[in-house]
């Protein structure tokens, strides 16, 4: 098996990202869930870079697509839509929490003003 340059570079870059995630977890800048999820993602990227044909053929068979490149494209598009969907609801939840916090602060300041007069 002849290794291409990306098959060497991508696992090295993935190892650096995993090392950074572990460091962030140790400094309490990331939760255990974030560290594990990020590490699993980068391990998957490294393994996919090492064995691209095996995984692309498996994806193509799984989705019933003849071309393994098209299978990867469709799979990645699906992941992008899934993550965009999750991010939308996370942002919506943050906006609602921010609105609630703003209301509480405004009411508290209003009460303090009335008490001071």
Protein backbone atom coordinates (compact mmCIF):
# COMPACT_ATOMS: atom_id res chain seq x y z
CA UNK A 1 0.00 0.00 0.00
CA UNK A 2 1.46 3.31 -1.10
CA UNK A 3 0.71 6.24 1.19
CA UNK A 4 -0.20 9.58 -0.31
CA UNK A 5 0.97 12.81 1.34
CA UNK A 6 -2.48 13.58 2.80
CA UNK A 7 -2.50 10.12 4.43
CA UNK A 8 0.52 11.21 6.44
CA UNK A 9 -0.41 14.84 7.08
CA UNK A 10 -4.06 14.38 8.11
CA UNK A 11 -3.37 11.90 10.96
CA UNK A 12 -0.58 14.16 12.27
CA UNK A 13 -2.88 17.20 12.19
CA UNK A 14 -5.61 15.11 13.85
CA UNK A 15 -3.19 14.12 16.62
CA UNK A 16 -2.42 17.81 17.27
CA UNK A 17 -6.12 18.62 17.52
CA UNK A 18 -6.69 15.70 19.89
CA UNK A 19 -3.74 16.81 22.00
CA UNK A 20 -5.22 20.32 22.13
CA UNK A 21 -8.61 18.94 23.18
CA UNK A 22 -7.01 16.94 25.97
CA UNK A 23 -5.14 20.05 27.11
CA UNK A 24 -8.32 22.11 27.11
CA UNK A 25 -10.06 19.41 29.14
CA UNK A 26 -7.23 19.34 31.70
CA UNK A 27 -7.38 23.13 32.08
CA UNK A 28 -11.18 22.87 32.52
CA UNK A 29 -11.80 24.83 29.32
CA UNK A 30 -13.76 21.93 27.77
CA UNK A 31 -16.15 19.39 29.22
CA UNK A 32 -15.53 15.65 29.09
CA UNK A 33 -18.31 15.34 26.53
CA UNK A 34 -16.68 17.95 24.27
CA UNK A 35 -13.27 16.31 24.61
CA UNK A 36 -14.59 12.83 23.83
CA UNK A 37 -16.77 13.98 20.92
CA UNK A 38 -13.96 16.06 19.43
CA UNK A 39 -11.44 13.26 19.85
CA UNK A 40 -13.76 10.73 18.22
CA UNK A 41 -14.27 13.12 15.30
CA UNK A 42 -10.53 13.59 14.77
CA UNK A 43 -9.82 9.88 15.11
CA UNK A 44 -12.49 9.23 12.47
CA UNK A 45 -10.91 11.83 10.18
CA UNK A 46 -7.48 10.23 10.62
CA UNK A 47 -8.78 6.70 10.00
CA UNK A 48 -10.75 7.87 6.96
CA UNK A 49 -7.59 9.51 5.58
CA UNK A 50 -5.62 6.30 6.06
CA UNK A 51 -8.23 4.02 4.43
CA UNK A 52 -10.30 6.24 2.11
CA UNK A 53 -11.28 3.58 -0.45
CA UNK A 54 -12.53 1.10 2.14
CA UNK A 55 -14.83 3.62 3.83
CA UNK A 56 -16.05 5.30 0.65
CA UNK A 57 -17.02 1.94 -0.84
CA UNK A 58 -18.83 0.98 2.38
CA UNK A 59 -20.74 4.28 2.32
CA UNK A 60 -21.64 3.81 -1.33
CA UNK A 61 -23.01 0.32 -0.66
CA UNK A 62 -24.86 1.50 2.45
CA UNK A 63 -26.66 4.29 0.57
CA UNK A 64 -27.07 2.33 -2.67
CA UNK A 65 -25.02 4.80 -4.69
CA UNK A 66 -22.82 3.51 -7.50
CA UNK A 67 -20.02 6.05 -7.15
CA UNK A 68 -18.08 6.12 -3.90
CA UNK A 69 -17.23 9.80 -4.38
CA UNK A 70 -20.91 10.70 -4.70
CA UNK A 71 -21.63 8.69 -1.54
CA UNK A 72 -19.07 10.75 0.39
CA UNK A 73 -20.51 14.00 -0.95
CA UNK A 74 -24.09 13.03 0.00
CA UNK A 75 -22.99 11.79 3.42
CA UNK A 76 -21.09 15.02 4.13
CA UNK A 77 -24.03 17.14 2.96
CA UNK A 78 -26.26 15.20 5.32
CA UNK A 79 -23.84 15.85 8.19
CA UNK A 80 -23.69 19.55 7.35
CA UNK A 81 -27.50 19.83 7.36
CA UNK A 82 -27.70 17.92 10.64
CA UNK A 83 -25.14 20.17 12.35
CA UNK A 84 -26.79 23.30 10.94
CA UNK A 85 -30.12 22.10 12.34
CA UNK A 86 -28.55 21.48 15.77
CA UNK A 87 -26.83 24.89 15.74
CA UNK A 88 -30.07 26.65 14.83
CA UNK A 89 -31.81 25.25 17.89
CA UNK A 90 -28.82 25.94 20.14
CA UNK A 91 -28.83 29.58 19.05
CA UNK A 92 -32.60 29.80 19.51
CA UNK A 93 -32.26 28.39 23.03
CA UNK A 94 -29.51 30.92 23.84
CA UNK A 95 -31.65 33.77 22.54
CA UNK A 96 -34.54 32.71 24.75
CA UNK A 97 -32.25 32.45 27.78
CA UNK A 98 -30.78 35.89 27.03
CA UNK A 99 -34.26 37.39 26.71
CA UNK A 100 -35.28 35.87 30.05
CA UNK A 101 -32.11 37.15 31.73
CA UNK A 102 -32.63 40.63 30.29
CA UNK A 103 -36.19 40.69 31.62
CA UNK A 104 -35.04 39.63 35.09
CA UNK A 105 -32.32 42.29 35.19
CA UNK A 106 -34.74 44.97 33.98
CA UNK A 107 -37.30 44.03 36.64
CA UNK A 108 -34.63 43.99 39.33
CA UNK A 109 -33.32 47.42 38.32
CA UNK A 110 -36.88 48.73 38.25
CA UNK A 111 -37.50 47.48 41.79
CA UNK A 112 -34.24 48.98 43.02
CA UNK A 113 -35.19 52.32 41.47
CA UNK A 114 -38.61 52.28 43.13
CA UNK A 115 -37.07 51.32 46.49
CA UNK A 116 -34.55 54.15 46.24
CA UNK A 117 -37.13 56.87 45.61
